[in-house]
């Protein structure tokens, strides 16, 4: 499903050149649950953002479901991300003046929303346990409930891969457990390829694919 080859990413900070990724190679198979782990500043979130086509590598290649992201134009990458990649942000990124249904439908506002899409958004919110919070705005939702809305938003497009960047980073342990239970249930039901960046190894189970990164390189 995902193939990364000799991936490099550099940033310029003032007069300093920072190498966030230094020749990363990896493969992630369809339907697999993969964890990317490592200390802060190791490059794990940078790697996830590159796989989501939210940034471009300095060099190297990324292929998802047979499509080369690095050969696409910026517009082609945007279209592919909208259609095929679900992304769950640590900070939720919900719109304050939209209710739960409106936030789930946010990716479709530019192209139009019909009754079928709205029904699908409601169904997804029910699946993540928010059927009783459909009309609530973010300010009236707990952190865990806001992250559930963000997960439903990532799934409304029927992605082939779901990427999550520290999805429990702003939650307490109980809320984190609930979010990972939901992610695993959805992965099993929909056959998703799930890739999660996390610093918390307690969510990893036997049989999961674990990639450990340090100083921009895969070490295990």
N, C-alpha and C. Protein backbone atom coordinates (compact mmCIF):
# COMPACT_ATOMS: atom_id res chain seq x y z
N UNK A 1 0.82 -1.21 0.00
CA UNK A 1 0.00 0.00 0.00
C UNK A 1 0.86 1.26 0.00
N UNK A 2 1.90 1.29 0.85
CA UNK A 2 2.78 2.46 0.94
C UNK A 2 4.23 2.01 0.78
N UNK A 3 4.95 2.63 -0.13
CA UNK A 3 6.38 2.36 -0.31
C UNK A 3 7.14 3.67 -0.29
N UNK A 4 8.12 3.75 0.58
CA UNK A 4 8.96 4.94 0.72
C UNK A 4 10.40 4.54 0.41
N UNK A 5 11.06 5.30 -0.45
CA UNK A 5 12.41 4.94 -0.87
C UNK A 5 13.37 6.13 -0.76
N UNK A 6 14.43 5.94 0.00
CA UNK A 6 15.53 6.90 0.13
C UNK A 6 15.01 8.33 0.35
N UNK A 7 14.11 8.46 1.31
CA UNK A 7 13.43 9.74 1.54
C UNK A 7 14.28 10.67 2.40
N UNK A 8 14.47 11.89 1.89
CA UNK A 8 15.19 12.93 2.61
C UNK A 8 14.30 14.17 2.73
N UNK A 9 14.41 14.84 3.86
CA UNK A 9 13.72 16.11 4.04
C UNK A 9 14.60 17.03 4.87
N UNK A 10 14.89 18.21 4.30
CA UNK A 10 15.72 19.20 4.98
C UNK A 10 14.95 20.50 5.14
N UNK A 11 15.22 21.20 6.23
CA UNK A 11 14.64 22.52 6.50
C UNK A 11 15.77 23.52 6.74
N UNK A 12 15.49 24.76 6.43
CA UNK A 12 16.43 25.83 6.75
C UNK A 12 15.87 26.64 7.91
N UNK A 13 16.64 26.75 8.98
CA UNK A 13 16.25 27.54 10.14
C UNK A 13 17.34 28.57 10.38
N UNK A 14 17.06 29.81 9.95
CA UNK A 14 18.10 30.84 10.01
C UNK A 14 19.22 30.48 9.06
N UNK A 15 20.42 30.33 9.59
CA UNK A 15 21.56 29.93 8.77
C UNK A 15 21.85 28.43 8.90
N UNK A 16 21.00 27.74 9.65
CA UNK A 16 21.24 26.32 9.91
C UNK A 16 20.39 25.45 8.99
N UNK A 17 20.99 24.39 8.45
CA UNK A 17 20.30 23.40 7.64
C UNK A 17 19.99 22.19 8.52
N UNK A 18 18.71 21.88 8.66
CA UNK A 18 18.28 20.79 9.52
C UNK A 18 17.81 19.61 8.66
N UNK A 19 18.41 18.45 8.88
CA UNK A 19 18.01 17.25 8.17
C UNK A 19 17.01 16.47 9.02
N UNK A 20 15.73 16.60 8.67
CA UNK A 20 14.69 15.93 9.45
C UNK A 20 14.61 14.45 9.12
N UNK A 21 14.81 14.10 7.85
CA UNK A 21 14.82 12.70 7.42
C UNK A 21 16.08 12.45 6.61
N UNK A 22 16.71 11.29 6.83
CA UNK A 22 18.01 11.01 6.21
C UNK A 22 18.01 9.64 5.54
N UNK A 23 17.32 9.53 4.45
CA UNK A 23 17.34 8.29 3.68
C UNK A 23 16.45 7.20 4.24
N UNK A 24 15.15 7.51 4.40
CA UNK A 24 14.20 6.55 4.98
C UNK A 24 13.67 5.61 3.89
N UNK A 25 13.68 4.31 4.19
CA UNK A 25 13.08 3.28 3.33
C UNK A 25 12.11 2.47 4.17
N UNK A 26 10.89 2.26 3.64
CA UNK A 26 9.93 1.42 4.37
C UNK A 26 8.83 0.96 3.44
N UNK A 27 8.16 -0.12 3.86
CA UNK A 27 6.98 -0.62 3.16
C UNK A 27 5.89 -0.90 4.19
N UNK A 28 4.66 -0.52 3.85
CA UNK A 28 3.50 -0.78 4.70
C UNK A 28 2.47 -1.51 3.85
N UNK A 29 2.03 -2.66 4.32
CA UNK A 29 1.13 -3.49 3.53
C UNK A 29 -0.34 -3.09 3.74
N UNK A 30 -1.16 -3.43 2.76
CA UNK A 30 -2.59 -3.11 2.80
C UNK A 30 -3.25 -3.76 4.03
N UNK A 31 -4.05 -2.98 4.73
CA UNK A 31 -4.79 -3.48 5.88
C UNK A 31 -3.98 -3.61 7.15
N UNK A 32 -2.74 -3.15 7.12
CA UNK A 32 -1.84 -3.29 8.27
C UNK A 32 -2.05 -2.13 9.25
N UNK A 33 -1.81 -2.42 10.53
CA UNK A 33 -1.78 -1.38 11.55
C UNK A 33 -0.33 -1.10 11.88
N UNK A 34 0.14 0.08 11.53
CA UNK A 34 1.56 0.43 11.67
C UNK A 34 1.72 1.59 12.65
N UNK A 35 2.67 1.44 13.56
CA UNK A 35 3.01 2.51 14.49
C UNK A 35 4.40 3.04 14.14
N UNK A 36 4.52 4.36 14.06
CA UNK A 36 5.82 5.02 13.90
C UNK A 36 6.15 5.66 15.24
N UNK A 37 7.24 5.19 15.85
CA UNK A 37 7.58 5.64 17.20
C UNK A 37 8.99 6.22 17.21
N UNK A 38 9.25 7.02 18.23
CA UNK A 38 10.57 7.63 18.36
C UNK A 38 10.48 8.86 19.24
N UNK A 39 11.61 9.37 19.70
CA UNK A 39 11.62 10.55 20.57
C UNK A 39 11.18 11.81 19.82
N UNK A 40 10.89 12.85 20.57
CA UNK A 40 10.55 14.13 19.96
C UNK A 40 11.70 14.61 19.09
N UNK A 41 11.35 15.13 17.91
CA UNK A 41 12.37 15.62 16.99
C UNK A 41 13.04 14.54 16.16
N UNK A 42 12.52 13.31 16.22
CA UNK A 42 13.15 12.21 15.49
C UNK A 42 12.80 12.21 14.00
N UNK A 43 11.72 12.92 13.62
CA UNK A 43 11.31 12.97 12.23
C UNK A 43 10.06 12.18 11.93
N UNK A 44 9.43 11.62 12.96
CA UNK A 44 8.27 10.75 12.71
C UNK A 44 7.06 11.52 12.18
N UNK A 45 6.77 12.70 12.71
CA UNK A 45 5.64 13.48 12.19
C UNK A 45 5.96 14.04 10.80
N UNK A 46 7.21 14.41 10.57
CA UNK A 46 7.62 14.86 9.24
C UNK A 46 7.36 13.76 8.22
N UNK A 47 7.71 12.53 8.56
CA UNK A 47 7.47 11.40 7.67
C UNK A 47 5.99 11.22 7.38
N UNK A 48 5.16 11.34 8.40
CA UNK A 48 3.71 11.18 8.22
C UNK A 48 3.14 12.28 7.32
N UNK A 49 3.58 13.52 7.52
CA UNK A 49 3.09 14.63 6.70
C UNK A 49 3.50 14.45 5.23
N UNK A 50 4.66 13.90 5.00
CA UNK A 50 5.08 13.64 3.62
C UNK A 50 4.22 12.54 2.99
N UNK A 51 3.90 11.50 3.76
CA UNK A 51 3.05 10.43 3.25
C UNK A 51 1.63 10.92 3.00
N UNK A 52 1.22 11.98 3.69
CA UNK A 52 -0.11 12.55 3.50
C UNK A 52 -0.15 13.58 2.38
N UNK A 53 0.97 13.80 1.71
CA UNK A 53 1.08 14.83 0.66
C UNK A 53 0.74 16.21 1.20
N UNK A 54 1.07 16.44 2.48
CA UNK A 54 0.92 17.76 3.08
C UNK A 54 2.22 18.56 3.00
N UNK A 55 3.26 17.90 2.53
CA UNK A 55 4.56 18.53 2.34
C UNK A 55 5.30 17.72 1.28
N UNK A 56 6.36 18.29 0.73
CA UNK A 56 7.13 17.60 -0.30
C UNK A 56 8.53 17.25 0.23
N UNK A 57 9.04 16.07 -0.11
CA UNK A 57 10.39 15.71 0.33
C UNK A 57 11.45 16.49 -0.42
N UNK A 58 12.63 16.57 0.15
CA UNK A 58 13.77 17.15 -0.55
C UNK A 58 14.21 16.23 -1.68
N UNK A 59 14.19 14.92 -1.41
CA UNK A 59 14.49 13.92 -2.43
C UNK A 59 13.93 12.58 -1.99
N UNK A 60 13.90 11.61 -2.90
CA UNK A 60 13.33 10.31 -2.61
C UNK A 60 11.93 10.18 -3.18
N UNK A 61 11.30 9.05 -2.93
CA UNK A 61 9.98 8.80 -3.52
C UNK A 61 9.01 8.20 -2.51
N UNK A 62 7.72 8.48 -2.74
CA UNK A 62 6.62 7.92 -1.94
C UNK A 62 5.55 7.42 -2.91
N UNK A 63 5.17 6.17 -2.78
CA UNK A 63 4.11 5.60 -3.59
C UNK A 63 3.01 5.08 -2.68
N UNK A 64 1.76 5.47 -2.96
CA UNK A 64 0.62 5.01 -2.19
C UNK A 64 -0.40 4.39 -3.13
N UNK A 65 -0.74 3.14 -2.88
CA UNK A 65 -1.74 2.42 -3.68
C UNK A 65 -1.42 2.49 -5.17
N UNK A 66 -0.12 2.41 -5.49
CA UNK A 66 0.31 2.42 -6.88
C UNK A 66 0.46 3.79 -7.50
N UNK A 67 0.24 4.84 -6.74
CA UNK A 67 0.34 6.21 -7.25
C UNK A 67 1.56 6.90 -6.64
N UNK A 68 2.43 7.45 -7.48
CA UNK A 68 3.63 8.12 -7.01
C UNK A 68 3.31 9.56 -6.62
N UNK A 69 3.36 9.84 -5.31
CA UNK A 69 3.09 11.20 -4.84
C UNK A 69 4.14 12.18 -5.34
N UNK A 70 5.39 11.72 -5.40
CA UNK A 70 6.48 12.62 -5.74
C UNK A 70 6.51 12.97 -7.23
N UNK A 71 5.76 12.25 -8.05
CA UNK A 71 5.66 12.59 -9.47
C UNK A 71 4.46 13.49 -9.77
N UNK A 72 3.64 13.76 -8.75
CA UNK A 72 2.44 14.56 -8.95
C UNK A 72 2.73 16.05 -8.81
N UNK A 73 1.93 16.85 -9.51
CA UNK A 73 1.96 18.30 -9.29
C UNK A 73 1.29 18.60 -7.95
N UNK A 74 1.40 19.84 -7.50
CA UNK A 74 0.76 20.21 -6.23
C UNK A 74 -0.75 20.02 -6.31
N UNK A 75 -1.34 20.39 -7.44
CA UNK A 75 -2.79 20.22 -7.61
C UNK A 75 -3.19 18.76 -7.62
N UNK A 76 -2.39 17.92 -8.26
CA UNK A 76 -2.68 16.48 -8.29
C UNK A 76 -2.55 15.87 -6.90
N UNK A 77 -1.55 16.34 -6.15
CA UNK A 77 -1.40 15.86 -4.77
C UNK A 77 -2.61 16.24 -3.93
N UNK A 78 -3.09 17.47 -4.08
CA UNK A 78 -4.25 17.92 -3.31
C UNK A 78 -5.47 17.06 -3.64
N UNK A 79 -5.68 16.78 -4.92
CA UNK A 79 -6.82 15.98 -5.34
C UNK A 79 -6.71 14.55 -4.81
N UNK A 80 -5.50 13.98 -4.86
CA UNK A 80 -5.30 12.62 -4.37
C UNK A 80 -5.54 12.55 -2.86
N UNK A 81 -5.02 13.54 -2.13
CA UNK A 81 -5.21 13.56 -0.68
C UNK A 81 -6.69 13.67 -0.32
N UNK A 82 -7.42 14.54 -1.02
CA UNK A 82 -8.84 14.71 -0.74
C UNK A 82 -9.62 13.43 -0.98
N UNK A 83 -9.21 12.67 -2.00
CA UNK A 83 -9.98 11.49 -2.40
C UNK A 83 -9.54 10.21 -1.71
N UNK A 84 -8.24 10.08 -1.34
CA UNK A 84 -7.73 8.77 -0.95
C UNK A 84 -7.11 8.70 0.43
N UNK A 85 -6.76 9.84 1.02
CA UNK A 85 -6.02 9.82 2.30
C UNK A 85 -6.84 10.51 3.39
N UNK A 86 -7.05 9.79 4.49
CA UNK A 86 -7.65 10.39 5.67
C UNK A 86 -6.55 10.77 6.65
N UNK A 87 -6.65 11.95 7.26
CA UNK A 87 -5.61 12.42 8.18
C UNK A 87 -6.26 12.91 9.47
N UNK A 88 -5.76 12.40 10.59
CA UNK A 88 -6.25 12.82 11.91
C UNK A 88 -5.15 13.62 12.59
N UNK A 89 -5.42 14.89 12.88
CA UNK A 89 -4.45 15.78 13.49
C UNK A 89 -4.51 15.69 15.02
N UNK A 90 -3.39 15.92 15.65
CA UNK A 90 -3.34 15.94 17.12
C UNK A 90 -4.21 17.06 17.68
N UNK A 91 -4.25 18.21 16.99
CA UNK A 91 -4.95 19.38 17.51
C UNK A 91 -6.42 19.44 17.10
N UNK A 92 -6.95 18.37 16.52
CA UNK A 92 -8.35 18.24 16.10
C UNK A 92 -8.69 19.07 14.86
N UNK A 93 -8.31 20.37 14.87
CA UNK A 93 -8.55 21.27 13.73
C UNK A 93 -10.04 21.32 13.33
N UNK A 94 -10.90 21.51 14.33
CA UNK A 94 -12.32 21.67 14.06
C UNK A 94 -12.66 23.15 13.93
N UNK A 95 -13.73 23.44 13.18
CA UNK A 95 -14.18 24.82 12.97
C UNK A 95 -15.17 25.18 14.08
N UNK A 96 -14.90 26.22 14.89
CA UNK A 96 -15.71 26.51 16.08
C UNK A 96 -17.19 26.75 15.81
N UNK A 97 -17.53 27.37 14.66
CA UNK A 97 -18.93 27.72 14.42
C UNK A 97 -19.71 26.66 13.65
N UNK A 98 -19.10 25.49 13.44
CA UNK A 98 -19.80 24.38 12.80
C UNK A 98 -20.11 23.30 13.84
N UNK A 99 -21.28 22.66 13.72
CA UNK A 99 -21.60 21.55 14.61
C UNK A 99 -20.83 20.30 14.19
N UNK A 100 -21.05 19.19 14.89
CA UNK A 100 -20.29 17.97 14.61
C UNK A 100 -20.48 17.51 13.18
N UNK A 101 -21.73 17.52 12.70
CA UNK A 101 -22.00 17.10 11.32
C UNK A 101 -21.29 18.02 10.34
N UNK A 102 -21.35 19.32 10.56
CA UNK A 102 -20.71 20.27 9.67
C UNK A 102 -19.20 20.09 9.62
N UNK A 103 -18.59 19.78 10.76
CA UNK A 103 -17.14 19.56 10.78
C UNK A 103 -16.75 18.28 10.05
N UNK A 104 -17.57 17.24 10.13
CA UNK A 104 -17.28 16.02 9.39
C UNK A 104 -17.36 16.28 7.89
N UNK A 105 -18.29 17.12 7.48
CA UNK A 105 -18.51 17.40 6.06
C UNK A 105 -17.58 18.48 5.51
N UNK A 106 -16.71 19.01 6.35
CA UNK A 106 -15.84 20.12 5.95
C UNK A 106 -15.07 19.87 4.65
N UNK A 107 -14.51 18.66 4.40
CA UNK A 107 -13.76 18.46 3.15
C UNK A 107 -14.60 18.62 1.89
N UNK A 108 -15.92 18.54 2.02
CA UNK A 108 -16.78 18.58 0.84
C UNK A 108 -17.44 19.94 0.62
N UNK A 109 -17.18 20.90 1.52
CA UNK A 109 -17.80 22.21 1.36
C UNK A 109 -17.43 22.86 0.02
N UNK A 110 -16.17 22.76 -0.44
CA UNK A 110 -15.85 23.39 -1.74
C UNK A 110 -16.57 22.75 -2.93
N UNK A 111 -16.90 21.46 -2.85
CA UNK A 111 -17.49 20.77 -4.00
C UNK A 111 -18.99 20.56 -3.87
N UNK A 112 -19.54 20.80 -2.68
CA UNK A 112 -20.98 20.65 -2.51
C UNK A 112 -21.34 19.43 -1.68
N UNK A 113 -22.42 19.57 -0.91
CA UNK A 113 -22.88 18.52 0.01
C UNK A 113 -24.32 18.16 -0.32
N UNK A 114 -24.58 16.88 -0.52
CA UNK A 114 -25.95 16.44 -0.79
C UNK A 114 -26.47 15.65 0.41
N UNK A 115 -27.73 15.21 0.29
CA UNK A 115 -28.37 14.51 1.41
C UNK A 115 -27.66 13.20 1.73
N UNK A 116 -27.14 12.54 0.71
CA UNK A 116 -26.43 11.28 0.93
C UNK A 116 -25.18 11.47 1.77
N UNK A 117 -24.41 12.52 1.48
CA UNK A 117 -23.20 12.80 2.25
C UNK A 117 -23.54 13.15 3.70
N UNK A 118 -24.60 13.92 3.88
CA UNK A 118 -24.99 14.29 5.24
C UNK A 118 -25.41 13.07 6.04
N UNK A 119 -26.14 12.16 5.39
CA UNK A 119 -26.54 10.92 6.07
C UNK A 119 -25.32 10.08 6.43
N UNK A 120 -24.33 10.07 5.54
CA UNK A 120 -23.09 9.32 5.81
C UNK A 120 -22.34 9.92 6.99
N UNK A 121 -22.29 11.25 7.07
CA UNK A 121 -21.62 11.92 8.19
C UNK A 121 -22.31 11.56 9.51
N UNK A 122 -23.63 11.56 9.50
CA UNK A 122 -24.37 11.21 10.71
C UNK A 122 -24.08 9.77 11.14
N UNK A 123 -24.03 8.86 10.15
CA UNK A 123 -23.77 7.46 10.44
C UNK A 123 -22.38 7.27 11.04
N UNK A 124 -21.38 7.97 10.48
CA UNK A 124 -20.03 7.87 11.02
C UNK A 124 -19.96 8.41 12.44
N UNK A 125 -20.64 9.50 12.71
CA UNK A 125 -20.65 10.04 14.07
C UNK A 125 -21.32 9.07 15.04
N UNK A 126 -22.34 8.39 14.58
CA UNK A 126 -22.97 7.37 15.42
C UNK A 126 -21.98 6.22 15.68
N UNK A 127 -21.20 5.84 14.65
CA UNK A 127 -20.23 4.75 14.81
C UNK A 127 -19.16 5.08 15.84
N UNK A 128 -18.79 6.35 15.93
CA UNK A 128 -17.76 6.73 16.91
C UNK A 128 -18.37 7.18 18.23
N UNK A 129 -19.67 6.91 18.42
CA UNK A 129 -20.32 7.15 19.70
C UNK A 129 -20.81 8.55 19.93
N UNK A 130 -21.07 9.29 18.85
CA UNK A 130 -21.53 10.68 19.00
C UNK A 130 -22.90 10.92 18.38
N UNK A 131 -23.71 9.87 18.31
CA UNK A 131 -25.05 10.04 17.76
C UNK A 131 -25.90 11.03 18.53
N UNK A 132 -25.58 11.24 19.80
CA UNK A 132 -26.33 12.17 20.65
C UNK A 132 -25.69 13.56 20.69
N UNK A 133 -24.65 13.78 19.86
CA UNK A 133 -23.95 15.07 19.87
C UNK A 133 -23.87 15.68 18.46
N UNK A 134 -24.76 15.30 17.57
CA UNK A 134 -24.67 15.71 16.17
C UNK A 134 -24.70 17.23 16.00
N UNK A 135 -25.47 17.91 16.81
CA UNK A 135 -25.65 19.36 16.65
C UNK A 135 -24.79 20.18 17.60
N UNK A 136 -23.90 19.50 18.31
CA UNK A 136 -23.04 20.21 19.25
C UNK A 136 -21.83 20.79 18.52
N UNK A 137 -21.48 22.03 18.87
CA UNK A 137 -20.27 22.66 18.35
C UNK A 137 -19.07 22.24 19.22
N UNK A 138 -17.84 22.42 18.71
CA UNK A 138 -16.65 21.96 19.44
C UNK A 138 -16.57 22.43 20.89
N UNK A 139 -17.00 23.65 21.17
CA UNK A 139 -16.90 24.18 22.54
C UNK A 139 -17.74 23.38 23.53
N UNK A 140 -18.73 22.65 23.03
CA UNK A 140 -19.60 21.86 23.90
C UNK A 140 -19.21 20.39 23.90
N UNK A 141 -18.05 20.07 23.33
CA UNK A 141 -17.57 18.69 23.28
C UNK A 141 -16.27 18.56 24.08
N UNK A 142 -16.07 17.42 24.71
CA UNK A 142 -14.81 17.15 25.40
C UNK A 142 -13.71 16.93 24.38
N UNK A 143 -12.46 16.87 24.86
CA UNK A 143 -11.34 16.62 23.95
C UNK A 143 -11.50 15.30 23.21
N UNK A 144 -11.89 14.25 23.95
CA UNK A 144 -12.08 12.96 23.31
C UNK A 144 -13.19 12.98 22.28
N UNK A 145 -14.26 13.71 22.56
CA UNK A 145 -15.37 13.82 21.60
C UNK A 145 -14.95 14.60 20.37
N UNK A 146 -14.14 15.65 20.56
CA UNK A 146 -13.65 16.40 19.41
C UNK A 146 -12.77 15.53 18.52
N UNK A 147 -11.94 14.67 19.14
CA UNK A 147 -11.09 13.79 18.34
C UNK A 147 -11.94 12.77 17.59
N UNK A 148 -13.06 12.34 18.15
CA UNK A 148 -13.97 11.43 17.45
C UNK A 148 -14.57 12.10 16.21
N UNK A 149 -14.90 13.37 16.35
CA UNK A 149 -15.39 14.12 15.19
C UNK A 149 -14.31 14.17 14.11
N UNK A 150 -13.07 14.41 14.54
CA UNK A 150 -11.95 14.48 13.58
C UNK A 150 -11.73 13.15 12.87
N UNK A 151 -11.92 12.04 13.59
CA UNK A 151 -11.78 10.72 12.97
C UNK A 151 -12.89 10.50 11.95
N UNK A 152 -14.11 10.85 12.32
CA UNK A 152 -15.23 10.72 11.36
C UNK A 152 -14.99 11.57 10.12
N UNK A 153 -14.45 12.77 10.30
CA UNK A 153 -14.14 13.65 9.16
C UNK A 153 -13.10 13.00 8.24
N UNK A 154 -12.11 12.34 8.84
CA UNK A 154 -11.07 11.69 8.03
C UNK A 154 -11.62 10.51 7.24
N UNK A 155 -12.69 9.89 7.74
CA UNK A 155 -13.22 8.68 7.12
C UNK A 155 -14.37 8.93 6.15
N UNK A 156 -14.95 10.12 6.15
CA UNK A 156 -16.13 10.37 5.34
C UNK A 156 -15.84 10.26 3.85
N UNK A 157 -14.59 10.41 3.46
CA UNK A 157 -14.20 10.32 2.04
C UNK A 157 -13.89 8.90 1.60
N UNK A 158 -14.03 7.89 2.49
CA UNK A 158 -13.67 6.50 2.19
C UNK A 158 -12.21 6.38 1.75
N UNK A 159 -11.27 6.77 2.61
CA UNK A 159 -9.85 6.74 2.22
C UNK A 159 -9.31 5.32 2.12
N UNK A 160 -8.24 5.15 1.36
CA UNK A 160 -7.56 3.85 1.30
C UNK A 160 -6.56 3.72 2.45
N UNK A 161 -6.15 4.85 3.00
CA UNK A 161 -5.21 4.84 4.12
C UNK A 161 -5.60 5.93 5.11
N UNK A 162 -5.48 5.61 6.39
CA UNK A 162 -5.78 6.58 7.44
C UNK A 162 -4.49 6.84 8.21
N UNK A 163 -4.06 8.11 8.23
CA UNK A 163 -2.85 8.53 8.93
C UNK A 163 -3.25 9.35 10.15
N UNK A 164 -2.62 9.07 11.29
CA UNK A 164 -2.98 9.78 12.52
C UNK A 164 -1.71 10.25 13.22
N UNK A 165 -1.64 11.55 13.47
CA UNK A 165 -0.46 12.15 14.10
C UNK A 165 -0.72 12.38 15.58
N UNK A 166 -0.17 11.54 16.44
CA UNK A 166 -0.35 11.64 17.89
C UNK A 166 -1.83 11.87 18.23
N UNK A 167 -2.73 10.96 17.82
CA UNK A 167 -4.17 11.21 17.98
C UNK A 167 -4.63 11.24 19.43
N UNK A 168 -3.78 10.78 20.37
CA UNK A 168 -4.15 10.83 21.79
C UNK A 168 -3.30 11.82 22.56
N UNK A 169 -2.51 12.63 21.86
CA UNK A 169 -1.56 13.52 22.51
C UNK A 169 -2.19 14.55 23.41
N UNK A 170 -3.44 14.95 23.13
CA UNK A 170 -4.11 15.96 23.94
C UNK A 170 -5.19 15.37 24.84
N UNK A 171 -5.15 14.05 25.05
CA UNK A 171 -6.19 13.38 25.82
C UNK A 171 -5.61 12.71 27.06
N UNK A 172 -6.47 12.50 28.07
CA UNK A 172 -6.03 11.73 29.23
C UNK A 172 -6.01 10.24 28.86
N UNK A 173 -5.55 9.40 29.77
CA UNK A 173 -5.37 7.98 29.45
C UNK A 173 -6.69 7.31 29.08
N UNK A 174 -7.77 7.65 29.76
CA UNK A 174 -9.07 7.05 29.44
C UNK A 174 -9.53 7.46 28.04
N UNK A 175 -9.39 8.76 27.75
CA UNK A 175 -9.77 9.23 26.42
C UNK A 175 -8.91 8.62 25.33
N UNK A 176 -7.61 8.45 25.62
CA UNK A 176 -6.71 7.82 24.65
C UNK A 176 -7.10 6.38 24.37
N UNK A 177 -7.45 5.64 25.44
CA UNK A 177 -7.88 4.25 25.26
C UNK A 177 -9.12 4.18 24.38
N UNK A 178 -10.06 5.08 24.59
CA UNK A 178 -11.30 5.07 23.81
C UNK A 178 -11.02 5.37 22.34
N UNK A 179 -10.13 6.32 22.08
CA UNK A 179 -9.81 6.67 20.69
C UNK A 179 -9.15 5.49 19.97
N UNK A 180 -8.22 4.81 20.63
CA UNK A 180 -7.57 3.68 19.96
C UNK A 180 -8.51 2.51 19.78
N UNK A 181 -9.45 2.34 20.69
CA UNK A 181 -10.46 1.29 20.49
C UNK A 181 -11.28 1.59 19.24
N UNK A 182 -11.66 2.85 19.06
CA UNK A 182 -12.42 3.25 17.87
C UNK A 182 -11.60 3.05 16.60
N UNK A 183 -10.34 3.48 16.62
CA UNK A 183 -9.50 3.35 15.44
C UNK A 183 -9.35 1.88 15.02
N UNK A 184 -9.15 1.01 15.99
CA UNK A 184 -8.98 -0.40 15.66
C UNK A 184 -10.28 -1.02 15.17
N UNK A 185 -11.40 -0.64 15.76
CA UNK A 185 -12.69 -1.15 15.30
C UNK A 185 -12.95 -0.74 13.86
N UNK A 186 -12.69 0.53 13.55
CA UNK A 186 -12.92 1.04 12.20
C UNK A 186 -11.96 0.37 11.21
N UNK A 187 -10.72 0.17 11.64
CA UNK A 187 -9.76 -0.49 10.75
C UNK A 187 -10.23 -1.89 10.40
N UNK A 188 -10.70 -2.62 11.40
CA UNK A 188 -11.15 -4.00 11.18
C UNK A 188 -12.40 -4.03 10.29
N UNK A 189 -13.35 -3.13 10.55
CA UNK A 189 -14.60 -3.13 9.80
C UNK A 189 -14.40 -2.72 8.35
N UNK A 190 -13.53 -1.73 8.11
CA UNK A 190 -13.39 -1.15 6.78
C UNK A 190 -12.13 -1.60 6.05
N UNK A 191 -11.31 -2.43 6.68
CA UNK A 191 -10.09 -2.90 6.03
C UNK A 191 -9.09 -1.80 5.76
N UNK A 192 -9.06 -0.80 6.63
CA UNK A 192 -8.19 0.36 6.43
C UNK A 192 -6.72 0.00 6.64
N UNK A 193 -5.86 0.68 5.92
CA UNK A 193 -4.44 0.69 6.24
C UNK A 193 -4.23 1.85 7.20
N UNK A 194 -3.86 1.55 8.43
CA UNK A 194 -3.77 2.55 9.50
C UNK A 194 -2.31 2.79 9.88
N UNK A 195 -1.90 4.06 9.85
CA UNK A 195 -0.53 4.43 10.23
C UNK A 195 -0.64 5.50 11.32
N UNK A 196 -0.05 5.21 12.48
CA UNK A 196 -0.17 6.10 13.63
C UNK A 196 1.21 6.51 14.13
N UNK A 197 1.43 7.80 14.25
CA UNK A 197 2.61 8.33 14.95
C UNK A 197 2.24 8.49 16.42
N UNK A 198 3.04 7.92 17.30
CA UNK A 198 2.74 8.04 18.73
C UNK A 198 4.03 7.95 19.53
N UNK A 199 3.98 8.52 20.72
CA UNK A 199 5.08 8.36 21.67
C UNK A 199 4.69 7.35 22.75
N UNK A 200 3.44 6.89 22.71
CA UNK A 200 2.90 6.03 23.75
C UNK A 200 2.82 4.59 23.26
N UNK A 201 3.75 3.77 23.70
CA UNK A 201 3.84 2.39 23.20
C UNK A 201 2.80 1.46 23.82
N UNK A 202 2.03 1.93 24.80
CA UNK A 202 1.07 1.03 25.43
C UNK A 202 -0.08 0.65 24.49
N UNK A 203 -0.24 1.39 23.40
CA UNK A 203 -1.31 1.07 22.45
C UNK A 203 -0.89 0.00 21.44
N UNK A 204 0.39 -0.36 21.43
CA UNK A 204 0.89 -1.33 20.46
C UNK A 204 0.56 -2.75 20.93
N UNK A 205 0.08 -3.57 19.99
CA UNK A 205 -0.28 -4.96 20.30
C UNK A 205 0.58 -5.91 19.49
N UNK A 206 0.61 -7.17 19.94
CA UNK A 206 1.30 -8.21 19.17
C UNK A 206 0.70 -8.26 17.77
N UNK A 207 1.56 -8.35 16.77
CA UNK A 207 1.09 -8.41 15.39
C UNK A 207 1.08 -7.07 14.69
N UNK A 208 1.21 -5.97 15.44
CA UNK A 208 1.29 -4.65 14.81
C UNK A 208 2.66 -4.48 14.16
N UNK A 209 2.70 -3.66 13.14
CA UNK A 209 3.94 -3.31 12.46
C UNK A 209 4.49 -2.06 13.14
N UNK A 210 5.71 -2.14 13.68
CA UNK A 210 6.29 -1.02 14.42
C UNK A 210 7.56 -0.55 13.73
N UNK A 211 7.61 0.75 13.45
CA UNK A 211 8.77 1.38 12.83
C UNK A 211 9.34 2.38 13.83
N UNK A 212 10.59 2.19 14.21
CA UNK A 212 11.22 3.10 15.17
C UNK A 212 12.19 4.00 14.43
N UNK A 213 12.03 5.30 14.66
CA UNK A 213 12.85 6.29 13.97
C UNK A 213 13.59 7.15 14.98
N UNK A 214 14.83 7.48 14.64
CA UNK A 214 15.65 8.32 15.52
C UNK A 214 16.61 9.13 14.66
N UNK A 215 16.68 10.42 14.94
CA UNK A 215 17.56 11.32 14.19
C UNK A 215 17.36 11.20 12.69
N UNK A 216 16.11 11.04 12.28
CA UNK A 216 15.78 11.02 10.86
C UNK A 216 16.06 9.72 10.14
N UNK A 217 16.40 8.66 10.90
CA UNK A 217 16.67 7.36 10.28
C UNK A 217 15.89 6.27 10.99
N UNK A 218 15.51 5.24 10.22
CA UNK A 218 14.85 4.09 10.82
C UNK A 218 15.91 3.21 11.48
N UNK A 219 15.72 2.92 12.76
CA UNK A 219 16.70 2.13 13.49
C UNK A 219 16.18 0.74 13.83
N UNK A 220 14.87 0.52 13.69
CA UNK A 220 14.28 -0.81 13.99
C UNK A 220 12.91 -0.92 13.36
